């Protein structure tokens, strides 16, 4: 059986607050384990990895200009 991770440990691993973790859990963004209603909540490392994958966005490429230099108009 995989080691279960507490809310506090999961928040620390992800680098977010417990409130943000709870919000993600309530919005269905992260899977969790809860043995009894209103009981302790646990996470698995797989659930944390899936959450990170869902939250990771690819950078959009920047359009290249012909030159990096700004050409001044005016006096010659």
N, C-alpha and C. Protein backbone atom coordinates (compact mmCIF):
# COMPACT_ATOMS: atom_id res chain seq x y z
N UNK A 1 0.84 -1.18 0.00
CA UNK A 1 0.00 0.00 0.00
C UNK A 1 0.88 1.24 0.00
N UNK A 2 0.46 2.20 -0.78
CA UNK A 2 1.22 3.44 -0.91
C UNK A 2 1.06 4.30 0.35
N UNK A 3 2.12 5.03 0.68
CA UNK A 3 2.09 5.90 1.86
C UNK A 3 1.10 7.02 1.64
N UNK A 4 0.28 7.28 2.64
CA UNK A 4 -0.70 8.36 2.57
C UNK A 4 -0.07 9.64 3.09
N UNK A 5 -0.41 10.74 2.44
CA UNK A 5 0.17 12.05 2.75
C UNK A 5 -0.92 12.92 3.35
N UNK A 6 -0.62 13.56 4.47
CA UNK A 6 -1.60 14.44 5.13
C UNK A 6 -1.76 15.74 4.35
N UNK A 7 -2.77 16.51 4.71
CA UNK A 7 -3.01 17.81 4.06
C UNK A 7 -1.81 18.73 4.24
N UNK A 8 -1.28 18.76 5.44
CA UNK A 8 -0.16 19.65 5.74
C UNK A 8 1.07 19.26 4.91
N UNK A 9 1.36 17.96 4.86
CA UNK A 9 2.50 17.49 4.07
C UNK A 9 2.30 17.75 2.58
N UNK A 10 1.07 17.52 2.09
CA UNK A 10 0.78 17.74 0.67
C UNK A 10 0.95 19.20 0.30
N UNK A 11 0.45 20.09 1.14
CA UNK A 11 0.58 21.52 0.88
C UNK A 11 2.05 21.92 0.83
N UNK A 12 2.85 21.37 1.73
CA UNK A 12 4.28 21.68 1.76
C UNK A 12 4.97 21.16 0.51
N UNK A 13 4.63 19.94 0.09
CA UNK A 13 5.23 19.35 -1.11
C UNK A 13 4.90 20.19 -2.34
N UNK A 14 3.64 20.64 -2.44
CA UNK A 14 3.19 21.40 -3.60
C UNK A 14 3.60 22.87 -3.54
N UNK A 15 3.97 23.33 -2.35
CA UNK A 15 4.36 24.73 -2.20
C UNK A 15 3.17 25.67 -2.20
N UNK A 16 2.03 25.18 -1.68
CA UNK A 16 0.82 26.00 -1.61
C UNK A 16 0.30 25.96 -0.18
N UNK A 17 -0.66 26.82 0.11
CA UNK A 17 -1.24 26.83 1.46
C UNK A 17 -2.27 25.70 1.59
N UNK A 18 -2.61 25.37 2.82
CA UNK A 18 -3.62 24.35 3.07
C UNK A 18 -4.97 24.82 2.53
N UNK A 19 -5.25 26.11 2.62
CA UNK A 19 -6.50 26.66 2.09
C UNK A 19 -6.59 26.46 0.58
N UNK A 20 -5.49 26.70 -0.12
CA UNK A 20 -5.46 26.50 -1.58
C UNK A 20 -5.63 25.03 -1.92
N UNK A 21 -5.00 24.17 -1.14
CA UNK A 21 -5.14 22.72 -1.33
C UNK A 21 -6.59 22.29 -1.12
N UNK A 22 -7.22 22.79 -0.07
CA UNK A 22 -8.62 22.46 0.19
C UNK A 22 -9.53 22.96 -0.92
N UNK A 23 -9.23 24.13 -1.46
CA UNK A 23 -10.02 24.68 -2.55
C UNK A 23 -9.90 23.80 -3.80
N UNK A 24 -8.68 23.36 -4.09
CA UNK A 24 -8.46 22.47 -5.23
C UNK A 24 -9.19 21.15 -5.03
N UNK A 25 -9.18 20.64 -3.82
CA UNK A 25 -9.88 19.39 -3.51
C UNK A 25 -11.38 19.56 -3.66
N UNK A 26 -11.93 20.65 -3.14
CA UNK A 26 -13.36 20.90 -3.23
C UNK A 26 -13.83 21.14 -4.65
N UNK A 27 -12.94 21.65 -5.50
CA UNK A 27 -13.28 21.90 -6.91
C UNK A 27 -13.02 20.69 -7.79
N UNK A 28 -12.56 19.59 -7.19
CA UNK A 28 -12.33 18.37 -7.94
C UNK A 28 -11.06 18.37 -8.76
N UNK A 29 -10.10 19.23 -8.43
CA UNK A 29 -8.85 19.30 -9.19
C UNK A 29 -7.81 18.29 -8.71
N UNK A 30 -7.99 17.76 -7.51
CA UNK A 30 -7.03 16.81 -6.95
C UNK A 30 -7.78 15.67 -6.28
N UNK A 31 -7.31 14.46 -6.48
CA UNK A 31 -7.93 13.28 -5.88
C UNK A 31 -7.48 13.14 -4.44
N UNK A 32 -8.36 12.60 -3.61
CA UNK A 32 -8.03 12.44 -2.20
C UNK A 32 -8.70 11.19 -1.64
N UNK A 33 -8.29 10.82 -0.44
CA UNK A 33 -8.84 9.67 0.26
C UNK A 33 -9.42 10.15 1.57
N UNK A 34 -10.65 9.71 1.86
CA UNK A 34 -11.31 10.06 3.12
C UNK A 34 -12.11 8.84 3.54
N UNK A 35 -11.66 8.19 4.60
CA UNK A 35 -12.27 6.92 5.02
C UNK A 35 -13.68 7.07 5.57
N UNK A 36 -13.93 8.14 6.31
CA UNK A 36 -15.27 8.39 6.87
C UNK A 36 -15.66 9.82 6.58
N UNK A 37 -16.98 10.06 6.41
CA UNK A 37 -17.40 11.45 6.17
C UNK A 37 -16.93 12.36 7.31
N UNK A 38 -16.49 13.54 6.95
CA UNK A 38 -15.96 14.53 7.90
C UNK A 38 -14.73 14.04 8.65
N UNK A 39 -14.05 13.04 8.10
CA UNK A 39 -12.83 12.51 8.71
C UNK A 39 -11.60 13.14 8.09
N UNK A 40 -10.46 12.62 8.47
CA UNK A 40 -9.18 13.12 7.95
C UNK A 40 -9.08 12.87 6.45
N UNK A 41 -8.42 13.78 5.77
CA UNK A 41 -8.22 13.70 4.33
C UNK A 41 -6.76 13.37 4.06
N UNK A 42 -6.53 12.44 3.14
CA UNK A 42 -5.18 12.03 2.77
C UNK A 42 -5.02 12.09 1.26
N UNK A 43 -3.77 12.19 0.83
CA UNK A 43 -3.45 12.22 -0.59
C UNK A 43 -2.39 11.17 -0.87
N UNK A 44 -2.25 10.77 -2.14
CA UNK A 44 -1.18 9.88 -2.55
C UNK A 44 -0.21 10.68 -3.42
N UNK A 45 0.99 10.17 -3.58
CA UNK A 45 1.96 10.87 -4.41
C UNK A 45 1.50 10.91 -5.87
N UNK A 46 0.77 9.88 -6.31
CA UNK A 46 0.23 9.87 -7.67
C UNK A 46 -0.77 11.00 -7.85
N UNK A 47 -1.63 11.22 -6.86
CA UNK A 47 -2.62 12.30 -6.93
C UNK A 47 -1.93 13.65 -7.00
N UNK A 48 -0.85 13.82 -6.23
CA UNK A 48 -0.11 15.08 -6.26
C UNK A 48 0.54 15.30 -7.62
N UNK A 49 1.10 14.24 -8.20
CA UNK A 49 1.73 14.34 -9.52
C UNK A 49 0.69 14.68 -10.59
N UNK A 50 -0.49 14.09 -10.50
CA UNK A 50 -1.56 14.39 -11.46
C UNK A 50 -2.00 15.85 -11.32
N UNK A 51 -2.08 16.34 -10.10
CA UNK A 51 -2.46 17.73 -9.87
C UNK A 51 -1.43 18.68 -10.48
N UNK A 52 -0.16 18.36 -10.29
CA UNK A 52 0.91 19.17 -10.86
C UNK A 52 0.81 19.17 -12.39
N UNK A 53 0.55 18.00 -12.97
CA UNK A 53 0.41 17.90 -14.43
C UNK A 53 -0.77 18.73 -14.94
N UNK A 54 -1.88 18.72 -14.21
CA UNK A 54 -3.05 19.50 -14.61
C UNK A 54 -2.78 21.00 -14.48
N UNK A 55 -1.96 21.37 -13.53
CA UNK A 55 -1.70 22.79 -13.25
C UNK A 55 -0.55 23.36 -14.06
N UNK A 56 0.14 22.51 -14.80
CA UNK A 56 1.30 22.95 -15.58
C UNK A 56 0.84 23.36 -16.97
N UNK A 57 1.22 24.57 -17.37
CA UNK A 57 0.84 25.10 -18.68
C UNK A 57 2.10 25.35 -19.49
N UNK A 58 2.04 25.05 -20.78
CA UNK A 58 3.17 25.29 -21.65
C UNK A 58 3.29 26.78 -21.94
N UNK A 59 4.51 27.23 -22.04
CA UNK A 59 4.76 28.63 -22.37
C UNK A 59 4.43 28.85 -23.84
N UNK A 60 3.82 29.99 -24.14
CA UNK A 60 3.49 30.32 -25.51
C UNK A 60 4.70 30.97 -26.16
N UNK A 61 5.02 30.57 -27.40
CA UNK A 61 6.18 31.18 -28.06
C UNK A 61 5.95 32.66 -28.33
N UNK A 62 7.02 33.41 -28.21
CA UNK A 62 6.95 34.85 -28.44
C UNK A 62 7.27 35.10 -29.91
N UNK A 63 6.52 36.00 -30.53
CA UNK A 63 6.80 36.35 -31.92
C UNK A 63 8.14 37.06 -32.00
N UNK A 64 8.94 36.63 -32.94
CA UNK A 64 10.25 37.26 -33.12
C UNK A 64 10.10 38.49 -34.00
N UNK A 65 10.75 39.56 -33.57
CA UNK A 65 10.79 40.76 -34.40
C UNK A 65 12.02 40.68 -35.28
N UNK A 66 12.04 41.52 -36.31
CA UNK A 66 13.18 41.51 -37.22
C UNK A 66 14.46 41.92 -36.50
N UNK A 67 14.34 42.82 -35.57
CA UNK A 67 15.51 43.29 -34.85
C UNK A 67 15.12 43.57 -33.41
N UNK A 68 16.07 43.47 -32.54
CA UNK A 68 15.80 43.79 -31.14
C UNK A 68 16.00 45.27 -30.88
N UNK A 69 16.64 45.93 -31.81
CA UNK A 69 16.95 47.34 -31.65
C UNK A 69 15.74 48.18 -32.00
N UNK A 70 15.42 49.18 -31.20
CA UNK A 70 14.35 50.11 -31.51
C UNK A 70 14.91 51.22 -32.37
N UNK A 71 14.37 51.38 -33.55
CA UNK A 71 14.84 52.40 -34.47
C UNK A 71 14.12 53.70 -34.15
N UNK A 72 14.91 54.75 -33.94
CA UNK A 72 14.34 56.06 -33.64
C UNK A 72 14.04 56.79 -34.93
N UNK A 73 12.92 57.44 -34.92
CA UNK A 73 12.63 58.27 -36.09
C UNK A 73 12.88 59.72 -35.70
N UNK A 74 13.21 60.54 -36.68
CA UNK A 74 13.46 61.94 -36.37
C UNK A 74 14.73 62.45 -37.01
N UNK A 75 15.57 63.11 -36.22
CA UNK A 75 16.78 63.77 -36.73
C UNK A 75 17.72 62.78 -37.38
N UNK A 76 18.30 63.23 -38.49
CA UNK A 76 19.25 62.37 -39.18
C UNK A 76 20.64 62.97 -39.21
